[in-house]
N, C-alpha and C. Protein backbone atom coordinates (compact mmCIF):
# COMPACT_ATOMS: atom_id res chain seq x y z
N UNK A 1 134.00 63.39 0.83
CA UNK A 1 134.74 63.00 -0.35
C UNK A 1 134.18 63.74 -1.56
N UNK A 2 135.09 64.17 -2.43
CA UNK A 2 134.70 64.91 -3.62
C UNK A 2 134.01 63.98 -4.61
N UNK A 3 133.18 64.55 -5.44
CA UNK A 3 132.47 63.82 -6.48
C UNK A 3 133.46 63.19 -7.47
N UNK A 4 134.51 63.94 -7.81
CA UNK A 4 135.51 63.49 -8.79
C UNK A 4 136.88 63.76 -8.19
N UNK A 5 137.59 62.71 -7.90
CA UNK A 5 138.91 62.82 -7.27
C UNK A 5 140.01 62.79 -8.32
N UNK A 6 140.96 63.72 -8.20
CA UNK A 6 142.17 63.66 -9.01
C UNK A 6 143.04 62.55 -8.44
N UNK A 7 143.59 61.73 -9.31
CA UNK A 7 144.54 60.71 -8.88
C UNK A 7 145.76 60.77 -9.79
N UNK A 8 146.90 60.28 -9.36
CA UNK A 8 148.08 60.26 -10.22
C UNK A 8 147.84 59.51 -11.54
N UNK A 9 146.91 58.58 -11.56
CA UNK A 9 146.61 57.85 -12.79
C UNK A 9 146.08 58.78 -13.89
N UNK A 10 145.56 59.95 -13.52
CA UNK A 10 145.04 60.90 -14.49
C UNK A 10 146.12 61.83 -15.05
N UNK A 11 147.32 61.75 -14.52
CA UNK A 11 148.41 62.61 -15.01
C UNK A 11 148.80 62.20 -16.42
N UNK A 12 148.95 63.22 -17.27
CA UNK A 12 149.42 62.97 -18.63
C UNK A 12 150.93 63.20 -18.74
N UNK A 13 151.55 63.66 -17.66
CA UNK A 13 152.98 63.90 -17.66
C UNK A 13 153.39 65.28 -18.12
N UNK A 14 152.42 66.16 -18.32
CA UNK A 14 152.67 67.55 -18.69
C UNK A 14 152.09 68.42 -17.58
N UNK A 15 152.97 69.13 -16.85
CA UNK A 15 152.54 69.84 -15.65
C UNK A 15 151.39 70.82 -15.88
N UNK A 16 151.49 71.64 -16.91
CA UNK A 16 150.44 72.63 -17.16
C UNK A 16 149.11 71.95 -17.48
N UNK A 17 149.16 70.94 -18.29
CA UNK A 17 147.93 70.21 -18.64
C UNK A 17 147.34 69.56 -17.40
N UNK A 18 148.18 68.94 -16.57
CA UNK A 18 147.68 68.32 -15.34
C UNK A 18 147.04 69.37 -14.42
N UNK A 19 147.67 70.54 -14.31
CA UNK A 19 147.08 71.61 -13.47
C UNK A 19 145.72 72.03 -14.02
N UNK A 20 145.64 72.15 -15.35
CA UNK A 20 144.38 72.55 -15.96
C UNK A 20 143.31 71.48 -15.76
N UNK A 21 143.69 70.23 -15.86
CA UNK A 21 142.73 69.15 -15.61
C UNK A 21 142.24 69.20 -14.16
N UNK A 22 143.14 69.50 -13.23
CA UNK A 22 142.71 69.62 -11.82
C UNK A 22 141.74 70.78 -11.64
N UNK A 23 141.96 71.87 -12.38
CA UNK A 23 141.02 73.00 -12.32
C UNK A 23 139.64 72.58 -12.84
N UNK A 24 139.62 71.84 -13.94
CA UNK A 24 138.34 71.37 -14.49
C UNK A 24 137.64 70.46 -13.49
N UNK A 25 138.39 69.59 -12.85
CA UNK A 25 137.82 68.72 -11.83
C UNK A 25 137.29 69.56 -10.67
N UNK A 26 137.98 70.64 -10.35
CA UNK A 26 137.51 71.55 -9.30
C UNK A 26 136.16 72.15 -9.65
N UNK A 27 135.97 72.55 -10.90
CA UNK A 27 134.67 73.07 -11.33
C UNK A 27 133.59 72.00 -11.21
N UNK A 28 133.92 70.78 -11.60
CA UNK A 28 132.96 69.69 -11.51
C UNK A 28 132.56 69.48 -10.05
N UNK A 29 133.53 69.49 -9.15
CA UNK A 29 133.24 69.30 -7.73
C UNK A 29 132.46 70.47 -7.15
N UNK A 30 132.75 71.68 -7.63
CA UNK A 30 131.98 72.84 -7.18
C UNK A 30 130.53 72.73 -7.62
N UNK A 31 130.32 72.27 -8.84
CA UNK A 31 128.95 72.07 -9.33
C UNK A 31 128.24 71.00 -8.50
N UNK A 32 128.93 69.92 -8.20
CA UNK A 32 128.34 68.86 -7.38
C UNK A 32 127.95 69.39 -6.00
N UNK A 33 128.83 70.15 -5.40
CA UNK A 33 128.54 70.72 -4.07
C UNK A 33 127.32 71.63 -4.13
N UNK A 34 127.24 72.45 -5.18
CA UNK A 34 126.09 73.35 -5.33
C UNK A 34 124.79 72.56 -5.47
N UNK A 35 124.83 71.47 -6.25
CA UNK A 35 123.64 70.63 -6.42
C UNK A 35 123.27 70.00 -5.08
N UNK A 36 124.25 69.45 -4.38
CA UNK A 36 124.00 68.80 -3.10
C UNK A 36 123.38 69.76 -2.08
N UNK A 37 123.81 71.00 -2.13
CA UNK A 37 123.32 72.00 -1.17
C UNK A 37 122.07 72.72 -1.64
N UNK A 38 121.56 72.35 -2.82
CA UNK A 38 120.34 72.95 -3.33
C UNK A 38 120.47 74.43 -3.64
N UNK A 39 121.63 74.82 -4.11
CA UNK A 39 121.86 76.24 -4.40
C UNK A 39 120.97 76.71 -5.54
N UNK A 40 120.91 78.02 -5.68
CA UNK A 40 120.00 78.64 -6.64
C UNK A 40 120.41 78.37 -8.08
N UNK A 41 119.46 78.59 -8.95
CA UNK A 41 119.69 78.44 -10.38
C UNK A 41 120.79 79.38 -10.84
N UNK A 42 120.84 80.59 -10.29
CA UNK A 42 121.88 81.55 -10.67
C UNK A 42 123.27 81.02 -10.31
N UNK A 43 123.39 80.38 -9.16
CA UNK A 43 124.68 79.82 -8.76
C UNK A 43 125.09 78.70 -9.71
N UNK A 44 124.15 77.82 -10.03
CA UNK A 44 124.44 76.74 -10.96
C UNK A 44 124.85 77.29 -12.33
N UNK A 45 124.14 78.30 -12.78
CA UNK A 45 124.47 78.93 -14.08
C UNK A 45 125.87 79.52 -14.04
N UNK A 46 126.22 80.20 -12.97
CA UNK A 46 127.55 80.81 -12.84
C UNK A 46 128.65 79.75 -12.91
N UNK A 47 128.45 78.65 -12.23
CA UNK A 47 129.44 77.57 -12.24
C UNK A 47 129.54 76.95 -13.63
N UNK A 48 128.42 76.74 -14.28
CA UNK A 48 128.42 76.15 -15.61
C UNK A 48 129.13 77.05 -16.62
N UNK A 49 128.89 78.35 -16.53
CA UNK A 49 129.56 79.31 -17.42
C UNK A 49 131.06 79.29 -17.15
N UNK A 50 131.44 79.28 -15.87
CA UNK A 50 132.86 79.22 -15.53
C UNK A 50 133.51 77.96 -16.06
N UNK A 51 132.84 76.86 -15.93
CA UNK A 51 133.35 75.58 -16.44
C UNK A 51 133.53 75.65 -17.96
N UNK A 52 132.53 76.13 -18.66
CA UNK A 52 132.62 76.23 -20.12
C UNK A 52 133.77 77.15 -20.52
N UNK A 53 133.87 78.30 -19.89
CA UNK A 53 134.92 79.25 -20.25
C UNK A 53 136.32 78.71 -19.95
N UNK A 54 136.47 78.07 -18.81
CA UNK A 54 137.78 77.51 -18.49
C UNK A 54 138.12 76.34 -19.41
N UNK A 55 137.12 75.57 -19.77
CA UNK A 55 137.34 74.47 -20.71
C UNK A 55 137.85 75.01 -22.04
N UNK A 56 137.29 76.11 -22.49
CA UNK A 56 137.76 76.72 -23.74
C UNK A 56 139.23 77.13 -23.62
N UNK A 57 139.61 77.71 -22.48
CA UNK A 57 141.01 78.09 -22.25
C UNK A 57 141.90 76.85 -22.33
N UNK A 58 141.48 75.80 -21.66
CA UNK A 58 142.25 74.56 -21.65
C UNK A 58 142.38 73.97 -23.06
N UNK A 59 141.29 73.91 -23.79
CA UNK A 59 141.32 73.36 -25.13
C UNK A 59 142.22 74.20 -26.05
N UNK A 60 142.16 75.51 -25.91
CA UNK A 60 143.01 76.39 -26.70
C UNK A 60 144.48 76.12 -26.40
N UNK A 61 144.80 75.90 -25.14
CA UNK A 61 146.17 75.58 -24.75
C UNK A 61 146.61 74.28 -25.41
N UNK A 62 145.79 73.25 -25.27
CA UNK A 62 146.15 71.95 -25.87
C UNK A 62 146.35 72.08 -27.38
N UNK A 63 145.43 72.74 -28.04
CA UNK A 63 145.49 72.86 -29.50
C UNK A 63 146.71 73.68 -29.92
N UNK A 64 147.11 74.64 -29.09
CA UNK A 64 148.34 75.38 -29.36
C UNK A 64 149.56 74.47 -29.28
N UNK A 65 149.58 73.58 -28.28
CA UNK A 65 150.67 72.61 -28.18
C UNK A 65 150.72 71.71 -29.40
N UNK A 66 149.56 71.32 -29.89
CA UNK A 66 149.52 70.45 -31.07
C UNK A 66 150.23 71.12 -32.25
N UNK A 67 150.01 72.42 -32.42
CA UNK A 67 150.65 73.15 -33.52
C UNK A 67 152.15 73.24 -33.30
N UNK A 68 152.54 73.60 -32.10
CA UNK A 68 153.97 73.78 -31.80
C UNK A 68 154.74 72.49 -32.02
N UNK A 69 154.16 71.37 -31.58
CA UNK A 69 154.88 70.09 -31.62
C UNK A 69 154.45 69.18 -32.77
N UNK A 70 153.63 69.68 -33.66
CA UNK A 70 153.26 68.93 -34.86
C UNK A 70 152.51 67.64 -34.59
N UNK A 71 151.47 67.72 -33.75
CA UNK A 71 150.69 66.53 -33.43
C UNK A 71 149.81 66.14 -34.61
N UNK A 72 150.01 64.96 -35.14
CA UNK A 72 149.32 64.52 -36.35
C UNK A 72 147.81 64.30 -36.16
N UNK A 73 147.38 64.03 -34.96
CA UNK A 73 145.96 63.78 -34.70
C UNK A 73 145.23 65.03 -34.19
N UNK A 74 145.85 66.18 -34.39
CA UNK A 74 145.29 67.44 -33.86
C UNK A 74 143.87 67.70 -34.34
N UNK A 75 143.60 67.45 -35.60
CA UNK A 75 142.27 67.73 -36.15
C UNK A 75 141.18 66.93 -35.47
N UNK A 76 141.41 65.64 -35.30
CA UNK A 76 140.42 64.80 -34.64
C UNK A 76 140.24 65.20 -33.18
N UNK A 77 141.35 65.50 -32.52
CA UNK A 77 141.28 65.88 -31.12
C UNK A 77 140.50 67.20 -30.96
N UNK A 78 140.80 68.17 -31.82
CA UNK A 78 140.11 69.45 -31.78
C UNK A 78 138.62 69.29 -32.09
N UNK A 79 138.28 68.37 -32.98
CA UNK A 79 136.87 68.12 -33.28
C UNK A 79 136.15 67.59 -32.04
N UNK A 80 136.83 66.75 -31.26
CA UNK A 80 136.26 66.27 -30.00
C UNK A 80 136.07 67.41 -29.01
N UNK A 81 137.01 68.34 -29.00
CA UNK A 81 136.86 69.51 -28.13
C UNK A 81 135.62 70.32 -28.52
N UNK A 82 135.46 70.55 -29.81
CA UNK A 82 134.31 71.34 -30.29
C UNK A 82 132.99 70.65 -29.95
N UNK A 83 132.95 69.34 -30.10
CA UNK A 83 131.73 68.60 -29.77
C UNK A 83 131.43 68.70 -28.27
N UNK A 84 132.47 68.65 -27.45
CA UNK A 84 132.29 68.78 -26.01
C UNK A 84 131.70 70.14 -25.66
N UNK A 85 132.24 71.21 -26.23
CA UNK A 85 131.72 72.56 -25.96
C UNK A 85 130.26 72.65 -26.38
N UNK A 86 129.91 72.08 -27.52
CA UNK A 86 128.50 72.09 -27.95
C UNK A 86 127.60 71.38 -26.93
N UNK A 87 128.07 70.27 -26.39
CA UNK A 87 127.30 69.54 -25.37
C UNK A 87 127.11 70.41 -24.12
N UNK A 88 128.17 71.05 -23.68
CA UNK A 88 128.07 71.92 -22.50
C UNK A 88 127.06 73.04 -22.77
N UNK A 89 127.11 73.62 -23.93
CA UNK A 89 126.16 74.69 -24.28
C UNK A 89 124.72 74.17 -24.29
N UNK A 90 124.53 72.93 -24.72
CA UNK A 90 123.18 72.34 -24.69
C UNK A 90 122.70 72.16 -23.24
N UNK A 91 123.59 71.71 -22.38
CA UNK A 91 123.23 71.59 -20.97
C UNK A 91 122.89 72.96 -20.39
N UNK A 92 123.67 73.97 -20.75
CA UNK A 92 123.39 75.33 -20.26
C UNK A 92 122.02 75.81 -20.74
N UNK A 93 121.70 75.55 -21.99
CA UNK A 93 120.41 75.98 -22.53
C UNK A 93 119.26 75.28 -21.80
N UNK A 94 119.43 74.00 -21.53
CA UNK A 94 118.39 73.27 -20.79
C UNK A 94 118.23 73.84 -19.38
N UNK A 95 119.35 74.14 -18.74
CA UNK A 95 119.30 74.70 -17.39
C UNK A 95 118.61 76.06 -17.42
N UNK A 96 118.94 76.89 -18.41
CA UNK A 96 118.32 78.20 -18.54
C UNK A 96 116.82 78.08 -18.81
N UNK A 97 116.42 76.98 -19.45
CA UNK A 97 115.01 76.73 -19.74
C UNK A 97 114.23 76.14 -18.57
N UNK A 98 114.91 75.94 -17.44
CA UNK A 98 114.23 75.48 -16.24
C UNK A 98 114.30 73.98 -15.99
N UNK A 99 115.10 73.26 -16.72
CA UNK A 99 115.25 71.81 -16.52
C UNK A 99 115.96 71.57 -15.19
N UNK A 100 115.20 71.15 -14.20
CA UNK A 100 115.73 71.02 -12.84
C UNK A 100 116.74 69.89 -12.68
N UNK A 101 116.69 68.88 -13.50
CA UNK A 101 117.59 67.75 -13.36
C UNK A 101 118.86 67.83 -14.19
N UNK A 102 119.03 68.93 -14.91
CA UNK A 102 120.13 69.01 -15.84
C UNK A 102 121.50 69.04 -15.15
N UNK A 103 121.60 69.65 -14.00
CA UNK A 103 122.90 69.75 -13.32
C UNK A 103 123.42 68.37 -12.94
N UNK A 104 122.56 67.51 -12.42
CA UNK A 104 122.99 66.16 -12.06
C UNK A 104 123.39 65.37 -13.30
N UNK A 105 122.62 65.50 -14.37
CA UNK A 105 122.94 64.83 -15.62
C UNK A 105 124.28 65.35 -16.17
N UNK A 106 124.50 66.65 -16.09
CA UNK A 106 125.74 67.24 -16.53
C UNK A 106 126.92 66.70 -15.73
N UNK A 107 126.76 66.57 -14.43
CA UNK A 107 127.83 66.03 -13.59
C UNK A 107 128.24 64.63 -14.03
N UNK A 108 127.27 63.79 -14.27
CA UNK A 108 127.58 62.43 -14.71
C UNK A 108 128.29 62.45 -16.06
N UNK A 109 127.80 63.27 -16.96
CA UNK A 109 128.43 63.40 -18.28
C UNK A 109 129.87 63.87 -18.14
N UNK A 110 130.09 64.91 -17.33
CA UNK A 110 131.43 65.48 -17.18
C UNK A 110 132.42 64.48 -16.58
N UNK A 111 131.98 63.79 -15.56
CA UNK A 111 132.88 62.85 -14.88
C UNK A 111 133.34 61.77 -15.85
N UNK A 112 132.42 61.21 -16.59
CA UNK A 112 132.77 60.14 -17.52
C UNK A 112 133.55 60.67 -18.72
N UNK A 113 133.11 61.79 -19.27
CA UNK A 113 133.78 62.31 -20.45
C UNK A 113 135.21 62.71 -20.11
N UNK A 114 135.38 63.45 -19.02
CA UNK A 114 136.72 63.95 -18.71
C UNK A 114 137.68 62.81 -18.37
N UNK A 115 137.24 61.87 -17.56
CA UNK A 115 138.15 60.77 -17.22
C UNK A 115 138.50 59.95 -18.47
N UNK A 116 137.52 59.66 -19.32
CA UNK A 116 137.80 58.93 -20.56
C UNK A 116 138.70 59.74 -21.49
N UNK A 117 138.42 61.02 -21.61
CA UNK A 117 139.20 61.89 -22.49
C UNK A 117 140.66 61.95 -22.03
N UNK A 118 140.87 62.14 -20.74
CA UNK A 118 142.24 62.22 -20.22
C UNK A 118 142.94 60.89 -20.41
N UNK A 119 142.30 59.81 -19.97
CA UNK A 119 142.96 58.50 -19.96
C UNK A 119 143.21 57.92 -21.35
N UNK A 120 142.46 58.35 -22.35
CA UNK A 120 142.64 57.81 -23.69
C UNK A 120 143.29 58.86 -24.60
N UNK A 121 142.57 59.91 -24.88
CA UNK A 121 143.03 60.87 -25.89
C UNK A 121 144.19 61.74 -25.42
N UNK A 122 144.12 62.23 -24.19
CA UNK A 122 145.18 63.12 -23.72
C UNK A 122 146.48 62.35 -23.45
N UNK A 123 146.36 61.16 -22.91
CA UNK A 123 147.55 60.33 -22.71
C UNK A 123 148.19 60.02 -24.06
N UNK A 124 147.37 59.80 -25.08
CA UNK A 124 147.90 59.50 -26.42
C UNK A 124 148.71 60.67 -26.96
N UNK A 125 148.20 61.90 -26.85
CA UNK A 125 148.98 63.02 -27.39
C UNK A 125 150.21 63.28 -26.53
N UNK A 126 150.11 63.08 -25.23
CA UNK A 126 151.27 63.30 -24.37
C UNK A 126 152.42 62.36 -24.74
N UNK A 127 152.08 61.13 -25.08
CA UNK A 127 153.11 60.15 -25.47
C UNK A 127 153.84 60.58 -26.75
N UNK A 128 153.19 61.36 -27.57
CA UNK A 128 153.80 61.87 -28.80
C UNK A 128 154.55 63.17 -28.52
N UNK A 129 153.94 64.07 -27.76
CA UNK A 129 154.52 65.41 -27.59
C UNK A 129 155.69 65.46 -26.62
N UNK A 130 155.67 64.65 -25.57
CA UNK A 130 156.76 64.69 -24.60
C UNK A 130 158.10 64.35 -25.25
N UNK A 131 158.20 63.30 -26.07
CA UNK A 131 159.48 63.04 -26.75
C UNK A 131 159.90 64.17 -27.70
N UNK A 132 158.94 64.98 -28.11
CA UNK A 132 159.24 66.10 -29.02
C UNK A 132 159.61 67.37 -28.25
N UNK A 133 159.62 67.28 -26.93
CA UNK A 133 160.06 68.41 -26.11
C UNK A 133 159.00 69.09 -25.28
N UNK A 134 157.76 68.66 -25.37
CA UNK A 134 156.70 69.28 -24.55
C UNK A 134 156.95 68.99 -23.08
N UNK A 135 156.72 69.97 -22.27
CA UNK A 135 156.89 69.82 -20.82
C UNK A 135 155.66 70.32 -20.13
């Protein structure tokens, strides 16, 4: 069983966003598998960089939708995105500094942050954007 399972309850009703969320969950599960298998620091670093970079792509997509559809809470949502990226960068710095337990801590953080973010903040914007034509 995967560390973080995608379920229909995590769907925000926007196909592209749901696909991107599944990709993020895939990175989280890849990181978990690497930790479980005791893979090298380089492998963990590669996965963490991929996760951060893909997260930036996803956040850019969401923030672009906010502009197109005039989402009133865009500023607050984008601020949450920026804070998340800063946290990921801090985890990366700790890992680069030799902190052996950082990957497991990062996994727990990611699982809780992403599920909470999707179920609260992303569902909230989807409820506004879908009636405005977002698909």
